[in-house]
Amino acid sequence: MTVWQIERILARPFQWMLSPFANAHPLLPLALVSLVASVFLLLAFRWLSDQRGLEQTKAKIYAHFLELKLFRHDVSVIWSAEKQILRYNLQYFLYLLKPLLVTLPIFVLFLVELEAWFSSRPLRVGEPVVVSVFADPAADKVLENVQLATTAGLRVETPALRVREERRADWRIRALAAGEHEIQFVTGRQDPTPVTKRVSVGPARIAPVARTRSGVGLFSGLENSQESPLTPDSPITRIEVDYPAASITVFGWGVNWVVAFVVLSLVFAFILKRPLGIVL
């Protein structure tokens, strides 16, 4: 099973959760995913950490802080209490180390999956966008010959701007109709399979948008679960659609989606840790 196939499977739960909220305020589905993430991470901490040890260590830290307050004029007591606080803080961290190492990749997975939904948005009807294609340096004359063809929902507005130093060609296209459209690159070679890229157009406030389609590899599988990676023998190594950035506004202020996700997850974790009986 390839990385892309695994990514397809991992992306499905997010598709199920987020698709019903396509036209809602982005903060609502982001809060839902943050709630799911916080519950999942809290339960992982409960199963993987020594809850009794954490509770006892927290009690000892609190006791030594109380000692500092009660005997604040006794230097020897203060020094001893500070050493014990440092010791038990280290012990507390060691108790958390195992669940942190296990849950951190899960948290990163949430960020990777949400990137496609909240970092960019689909094109609006009538909106232009720049499409870039990168040619394989080993493929002779591909950059000079590559041409762009579109379906009825898109229109090519400019000839190719070729940047030979970067092995890149750019076009500006315009969205004419809502839907999932396809752009196709003709390289002038007798390629059995044409190189294509999907372009999303629609009024949805949030939708999975893949900016890049590239060759086989770890990151190509993670960054685009909707389209299979380009074949290793393809004369084109990467295609990019410069989608507009998505935005989340709260009381008129723009909020980065990563910051919102992390803050919401922490807030939900703080609220739910006591009902779930979890010591952190």
Protein backbone atom coordinates (compact mmCIF):
# COMPACT_ATOMS: atom_id res chain seq x y z
CA MET A 1 0.00 0.00 0.00
CA THR A 2 1.42 3.39 -1.03
CA VAL A 3 1.58 6.57 1.05
CA TRP A 4 -1.11 8.09 -1.15
CA GLN A 5 -3.48 5.15 -0.59
CA ILE A 6 -2.95 5.41 3.18
CA GLU A 7 -3.60 9.14 2.97
CA ARG A 8 -6.86 8.48 1.08
CA ILE A 9 -8.03 6.29 3.96
CA LEU A 10 -6.96 8.78 6.64
CA ALA A 11 -8.72 11.63 4.84
CA ARG A 12 -12.15 9.97 4.83
CA PRO A 13 -13.14 10.68 8.47
CA PHE A 14 -12.38 14.36 7.93
CA GLN A 15 -14.46 14.30 4.74
CA TRP A 16 -17.40 12.85 6.70
CA MET A 17 -17.06 15.39 9.51
CA LEU A 18 -16.46 18.54 7.47
CA SER A 19 -18.49 18.09 4.26
CA PRO A 20 -21.86 18.95 5.90
CA PHE A 21 -20.43 22.34 6.94
CA ALA A 22 -19.36 23.52 3.47
CA ASN A 23 -21.34 26.77 3.76
CA ALA A 24 -21.05 27.31 7.51
CA HIS A 25 -18.71 29.74 9.25
CA PRO A 26 -15.30 28.00 9.19
CA LEU A 27 -14.96 28.33 12.95
CA LEU A 28 -17.87 25.92 13.50
CA PRO A 29 -16.40 22.86 11.72
CA LEU A 30 -12.96 23.74 13.07
CA ALA A 31 -14.40 23.71 16.60
CA LEU A 32 -15.98 20.31 15.91
CA VAL A 33 -12.67 18.81 14.78
CA SER A 34 -10.91 20.46 17.74
CA LEU A 35 -13.41 18.82 20.09
CA VAL A 36 -12.82 15.40 18.51
CA ALA A 37 -9.05 15.91 18.67
CA SER A 38 -9.13 16.97 22.34
CA VAL A 39 -11.26 13.96 23.36
CA PHE A 40 -9.02 11.60 21.42
CA LEU A 41 -5.86 13.06 22.93
CA LEU A 42 -7.30 13.10 26.46
CA LEU A 43 -8.27 9.44 26.23
CA ALA A 44 -4.81 8.61 24.89
CA PHE A 45 -3.27 10.37 27.90
CA ARG A 46 -5.57 8.45 30.21
CA TRP A 47 -4.60 5.08 28.74
CA LEU A 48 -0.89 5.74 28.27
CA SER A 49 0.06 7.74 31.36
CA ASP A 50 0.38 6.80 35.02
CA GLN A 51 -2.61 8.77 36.28
CA ARG A 52 -2.01 7.88 39.93
CA GLY A 53 1.64 8.87 39.67
CA LEU A 54 0.71 12.18 38.03
CA GLU A 55 -1.81 12.96 40.75
CA GLN A 56 0.66 12.19 43.54
CA THR A 57 3.42 14.21 41.87
CA LYS A 58 1.12 17.24 41.42
CA ALA A 59 0.18 17.01 45.11
CA LYS A 60 3.85 17.00 46.13
CA ILE A 61 4.62 20.01 43.94
CA TYR A 62 1.70 21.88 45.47
CA ALA A 63 2.85 20.91 48.98
CA HIS A 64 6.33 22.31 48.38
CA PHE A 65 4.90 25.55 46.95
CA LEU A 66 2.85 25.83 50.14
CA GLU A 67 6.06 25.22 52.09
CA LEU A 68 7.66 28.16 50.29
CA LYS A 69 4.79 30.39 51.30
CA LEU A 70 4.70 29.30 54.96
CA PHE A 71 8.47 29.40 55.55
CA ARG A 72 9.42 32.24 53.22
CA HIS A 73 11.85 33.69 55.82
CA ASP A 74 13.80 30.45 56.32
CA VAL A 75 16.49 30.26 53.63
CA SER A 76 17.35 26.59 54.22
CA VAL A 77 13.70 25.54 53.94
CA ILE A 78 13.23 27.63 50.80
CA TRP A 79 16.32 26.11 49.20
CA SER A 80 15.20 22.57 50.04
CA ALA A 81 11.66 23.21 48.79
CA GLU A 82 12.91 24.66 45.49
CA LYS A 83 15.08 21.58 44.90
CA GLN A 84 12.11 19.31 45.57
CA ILE A 85 9.89 21.34 43.23
CA LEU A 86 12.49 21.01 40.47
CA ARG A 87 12.81 17.28 41.13
CA TYR A 88 9.07 16.62 41.04
CA ASN A 89 8.59 18.79 37.96
CA LEU A 90 11.12 16.60 36.17
CA GLN A 91 9.31 13.51 37.40
CA TYR A 92 6.02 15.00 36.21
CA PHE A 93 7.52 15.60 32.75
CA LEU A 94 8.77 11.99 32.59
CA TYR A 95 5.25 10.76 33.37
CA LEU A 96 3.95 12.82 30.43
CA LEU A 97 6.75 11.89 28.01
CA LYS A 98 5.29 8.58 26.81
CA PRO A 99 1.77 9.89 26.01
CA LEU A 100 3.29 13.00 24.44
CA LEU A 101 5.47 10.93 22.10
CA VAL A 102 2.46 8.84 21.07
CA THR A 103 -0.09 11.65 20.68
CA LEU A 104 2.16 14.18 18.94
CA PRO A 105 2.10 12.33 15.57
CA ILE A 106 -1.69 12.10 15.90
CA PHE A 107 -1.91 15.85 16.45
CA VAL A 108 0.35 16.42 13.43
CA LEU A 109 -1.94 14.17 11.38
CA PHE A 110 -4.89 16.42 12.27
CA LEU A 111 -2.92 19.45 11.10
CA VAL A 112 -1.95 17.76 7.82
CA GLU A 113 -5.54 16.73 7.06
CA LEU A 114 -7.00 20.12 7.99
CA GLU A 115 -4.49 21.96 5.80
CA ALA A 116 -6.44 21.03 2.66
CA TRP A 117 -9.70 22.32 4.18
CA PHE A 118 -8.70 25.56 5.88
CA SER A 119 -5.56 26.96 4.23
CA SER A 120 -7.12 27.60 0.79
CA ARG A 121 -10.60 27.92 -0.68
CA PRO A 122 -12.13 27.01 -4.07
CA LEU A 123 -12.20 29.59 -6.84
CA ARG A 124 -15.31 31.71 -7.27
CA VAL A 125 -17.00 31.92 -10.66
CA GLY A 126 -15.26 34.70 -12.61
CA GLU A 127 -12.11 34.58 -10.46
CA PRO A 128 -8.67 34.19 -12.10
CA VAL A 129 -5.82 32.03 -10.82
CA VAL A 130 -2.25 31.25 -11.86
CA VAL A 131 -1.38 27.68 -12.78
CA SER A 132 2.27 26.59 -12.80
CA VAL A 133 3.88 23.46 -14.20
CA PHE A 134 7.43 22.29 -13.48
CA ALA A 135 9.28 20.18 -16.06
CA ASP A 136 11.79 17.44 -15.39
CA PRO A 137 15.28 18.79 -16.21
CA ALA A 138 16.09 15.47 -17.86
CA ALA A 139 13.09 15.71 -20.22
CA ASP A 140 14.35 17.31 -23.42
CA LYS A 141 12.34 20.32 -24.75
CA VAL A 142 9.32 19.60 -22.56
CA LEU A 143 9.29 23.11 -21.09
CA GLU A 144 9.37 24.67 -24.58
CA ASN A 145 6.56 22.47 -25.92
CA VAL A 146 4.18 22.10 -23.00
CA GLN A 147 0.70 23.54 -23.63
CA LEU A 148 -2.34 23.92 -21.39
CA ALA A 149 -5.84 22.73 -22.31
CA THR A 150 -8.95 23.20 -20.17
CA THR A 151 -12.54 21.99 -19.96
CA ALA A 152 -15.61 24.16 -20.59
CA GLY A 153 -15.68 25.48 -17.00
CA LEU A 154 -12.28 27.17 -17.31
CA ARG A 155 -10.67 29.56 -19.77
CA VAL A 156 -6.98 30.12 -20.47
CA GLU A 157 -6.33 33.88 -20.57
CA THR A 158 -2.59 34.19 -21.20
CA PRO A 159 0.08 32.42 -23.21
CA ALA A 160 2.66 30.45 -21.27
CA LEU A 161 5.22 32.47 -19.35
CA ARG A 162 8.29 30.22 -19.33
CA VAL A 163 10.90 30.65 -16.60
CA ARG A 164 13.72 28.48 -17.87
CA GLU A 165 15.94 28.93 -14.81
CA GLU A 166 13.25 27.26 -12.70
CA ARG A 167 12.03 24.86 -15.40
CA ARG A 168 8.58 26.40 -14.88
CA ALA A 169 5.75 27.62 -17.09
CA ASP A 170 2.84 29.78 -15.84
CA TRP A 171 -0.63 30.50 -17.22
CA ARG A 172 -3.52 32.56 -15.93
CA ILE A 173 -6.88 30.84 -16.16
CA ARG A 174 -10.36 32.05 -15.16
CA ALA A 175 -13.22 30.08 -13.62
CA LEU A 176 -16.39 30.19 -15.73
CA ALA A 177 -18.67 27.71 -13.93
CA ALA A 178 -18.92 25.99 -10.57
CA GLY A 179 -17.81 22.39 -10.27
CA GLU A 180 -14.73 20.17 -10.39
CA HIS A 181 -12.87 20.92 -13.61
CA GLU A 182 -9.74 19.49 -15.13
CA ILE A 183 -6.76 21.08 -16.80
CA GLN A 184 -4.58 18.98 -19.08
CA PHE A 185 -0.98 19.49 -20.11
CA VAL A 186 0.15 18.49 -23.58
CA THR A 187 3.91 17.98 -23.67
CA GLY A 188 4.39 17.22 -27.36
CA ARG A 189 5.49 13.68 -26.57
CA GLN A 190 3.60 10.47 -27.19
CA ASP A 191 2.54 10.07 -23.57
CA PRO A 192 0.04 7.24 -23.02
CA THR A 193 -1.48 9.00 -20.01
CA PRO A 194 -2.04 12.79 -20.13
CA VAL A 195 -0.90 14.88 -17.18
CA THR A 196 -3.90 16.53 -15.52
CA LYS A 197 -4.80 18.62 -12.47
CA ARG A 198 -8.18 19.12 -10.87
CA VAL A 199 -9.43 22.68 -10.26
CA SER A 200 -12.24 23.35 -7.76
CA VAL A 201 -14.73 26.15 -8.41
CA GLY A 202 -17.70 26.89 -6.19
CA PRO A 203 -19.31 29.01 -3.50
CA ALA A 204 -18.38 26.71 -0.58
CA ARG A 205 -16.70 28.47 2.34
CA ILE A 206 -14.69 25.37 3.17
CA ALA A 207 -13.81 22.46 0.89
CA PRO A 208 -10.80 20.18 0.40
CA VAL A 209 -8.50 22.02 -1.98
CA ALA A 210 -5.28 20.46 -3.27
CA ARG A 211 -2.90 23.17 -4.44
CA THR A 212 -0.24 20.75 -5.70
CA ARG A 213 0.04 17.51 -7.60
CA SER A 214 3.55 16.10 -7.70
CA GLY A 215 5.49 12.87 -8.10
CA VAL A 216 5.58 9.78 -5.94
CA GLY A 217 6.90 10.42 -2.44
CA LEU A 218 5.94 10.94 1.18
CA PHE A 219 4.97 14.59 0.91
CA SER A 220 3.14 14.22 -2.39
CA GLY A 221 0.89 11.63 -0.76
CA LEU A 222 0.22 13.82 2.26
CA GLU A 223 -0.42 17.08 0.41
CA ASN A 224 -2.97 15.73 -2.07
CA SER A 225 -5.27 12.86 -1.13
CA GLN A 226 -7.69 13.61 -4.00
CA GLU A 227 -5.40 12.90 -6.96
CA SER A 228 -2.88 10.14 -7.45
CA PRO A 229 0.80 11.21 -7.61
CA LEU A 230 2.40 11.80 -10.99
CA THR A 231 4.14 8.76 -12.40
CA PRO A 232 7.93 8.53 -12.00
CA ASP A 233 8.44 8.69 -15.78
CA SER A 234 6.31 11.81 -16.21
CA PRO A 235 8.10 14.72 -17.94
CA ILE A 236 6.23 17.01 -15.54
CA THR A 237 7.32 16.83 -11.90
CA ARG A 238 4.84 19.20 -10.24
CA ILE A 239 1.68 21.18 -10.96
CA GLU A 240 0.54 24.06 -8.73
CA VAL A 241 -2.73 25.99 -8.65
CA ASP A 242 -2.37 29.23 -6.69
CA TYR A 243 -5.74 29.08 -4.93
CA PRO A 244 -6.82 32.08 -2.82
CA ALA A 245 -6.06 31.78 0.88
CA ALA A 246 -9.00 30.86 3.08
CA SER A 247 -9.84 33.18 5.95
CA ILE A 248 -11.43 32.85 9.37
CA THR A 249 -12.76 36.03 10.95
CA VAL A 250 -13.85 36.37 14.58
CA PHE A 251 -15.50 39.68 15.48
CA GLY A 252 -13.87 41.26 12.45
CA TRP A 253 -10.38 39.93 13.22
CA GLY A 254 -8.61 37.49 10.91
CA VAL A 255 -7.48 34.34 12.72
CA ASN A 256 -4.97 31.80 11.44
CA TRP A 257 -6.65 28.40 11.30
CA VAL A 258 -3.72 26.61 12.98
CA VAL A 259 -3.82 29.01 15.92
CA ALA A 260 -7.61 28.62 16.17
CA PHE A 261 -7.34 24.82 16.09
CA VAL A 262 -4.64 24.67 18.77
CA VAL A 263 -6.42 27.15 21.06
CA LEU A 264 -9.80 25.43 20.69
CA SER A 265 -8.23 22.01 21.33
CA LEU A 266 -6.58 23.28 24.52
CA VAL A 267 -9.80 24.91 25.70
CA PHE A 268 -11.82 21.74 25.13
CA ALA A 269 -9.13 19.64 26.82
CA PHE A 270 -9.20 21.92 29.88
CA ILE A 271 -13.01 21.77 30.05
CA LEU A 272 -13.29 18.01 29.52
CA LYS A 273 -10.38 16.68 31.58
CA ARG A 274 -12.33 16.69 34.85
CA PRO A 275 -15.58 15.09 33.47
CA LEU A 276 -13.43 12.41 31.83
CA GLY A 277 -11.48 11.89 35.05
CA ILE A 278 -8.08 12.64 33.51
CA VAL A 279 -5.11 14.10 35.35
CA LEU A 280 -2.83 16.39 33.34
